[in-house]
Amino acid sequence: MTDTIRYLKIANYRSIDVLELRDIQPFSVFAGPNGAGKTNFFEALDFVNWVIQFGVHKAIKKQGGFKNIHCWKRNAKAARVFEFEIKTQNNLQDLTYRLTIDQLETSSPLKKEEIWLDEKPITEQNLVAIFRQSPDDSLPQQNQEPIEVKNIFHNLSIVPAVQQVLPFRMDFFNNFRLYRINPEEAKRAVENEDDSELSHNGGNLAAVLNRLEKDDDLRETLLEWMTLIVPGLEQVHTKSERLTGSTVLAFQEAGLENVLPTHLISDGTIYLLSVLVAILDRPERGITLIEEPERGLHPQAVMELVDGFREQASFERPIWVTTHNEALVRCLKNNELWLVDKKQSLTKMKQVQVVDKLVSSLDQAWLTNALGGGLAW
């Protein structure tokens, strides 16, 4: 059985009433016209990530309050409840995670989390029993001391046995990363910036790249991709400014003795560097969400980037992107494309399942609305 995200549901978020997706590929592209709801879909996943990591209050505050979260078409009662569900399948085993916020509009919203393994709810009472069912000899046996389980929904990683029984550990849900890169922010010099992960707009790019340069394999892979896609580029690295001590980006082009400062580098090159850092510096589990990675890139460069996304994406580390770009859509494979539409002000999505039987290329079929998801409904 192929490892996969079998099912994903989001209910009651902006233009999303109820959205249900099935059999999502590790590399998936969400294409549609402006205002169809692609960004709302990604931000709904980001909202879930914030709820899990920082709690309901901070997540709602970050979104600007209840008025900026609930589905605009729902009545007052239905608009109170936010729902998220994801089901994964791995080694013939299903894991389902459900999150429900019952009172979005109040000052003390209620949250309910559930984890189901093979359609059986995992609780503190039955978790040990689930361990005992595993054939893995390394797991505790009946005559051993009971396993103490604390805060089952947020600290599963404290019990090593859980990591072997559950096909999809909880840290997957803690690592939804949404990127909306701003080249001007990514170009800036940084000082004492957090380099643990790239910020959503790329504002700490120099700090993160400085850390990655210490890993020979990552440095070589990054340089290989940059020189493949950007003609004439020989080197990209970071350096410390002599006067301020800030970390800045530096680019070396063929035939030039001096490095080029960032203000002379195109936005497309900076955007590409930011996207590559985002996908090469991901956690072991979690979804990476990138909005419009093709910005400022030549069509051939977009195609190379798609190959890189597909190579890097996996069941436990999916890469999902939004796009308006026909070059990106043109090189997609079966089931990688999701068409995003808006019907009666509500976001809808459908997967393109068979692309090899199309009379025209996939991008032409998309743009001419032959697939029901072009730029003119």
Foldseek 3Di string as FASTA:
>chain_A
DAWFFAKKWKDFFAQAHIAMDGGADLFFEEEFAPPLCPVSVLVSLVLLLCCLPPNLQVSQVVQVALVNTGYPPDDPQSRQKIKIKIWIADPNKIKIKIKMWRGRHDPDIDIDIWIDIRNHTDDQVCVQVLLQPDPDPVTDHPPDDGDHDDPPQRPVVVDVSSPVRDPADNVQSNFEAAADADLVLLQDWDDPDDQLAQHRHNNCVQSVQQVQVVPVVSLVVLQVLLCVFDPQWDDKHWDADPPPRTIGIWTDGPPDPGTDRSVPDDSLSSLQSSVSRNLSNGDPAYEYEYEASCPPGDLVSLLVVLVVQVVSGDSRYGYYYYHHDLSNQQPDDAFNYKAWGRDPSHIYIDTRHDQVPDPDGRSVCQQVCVVVRHHPD
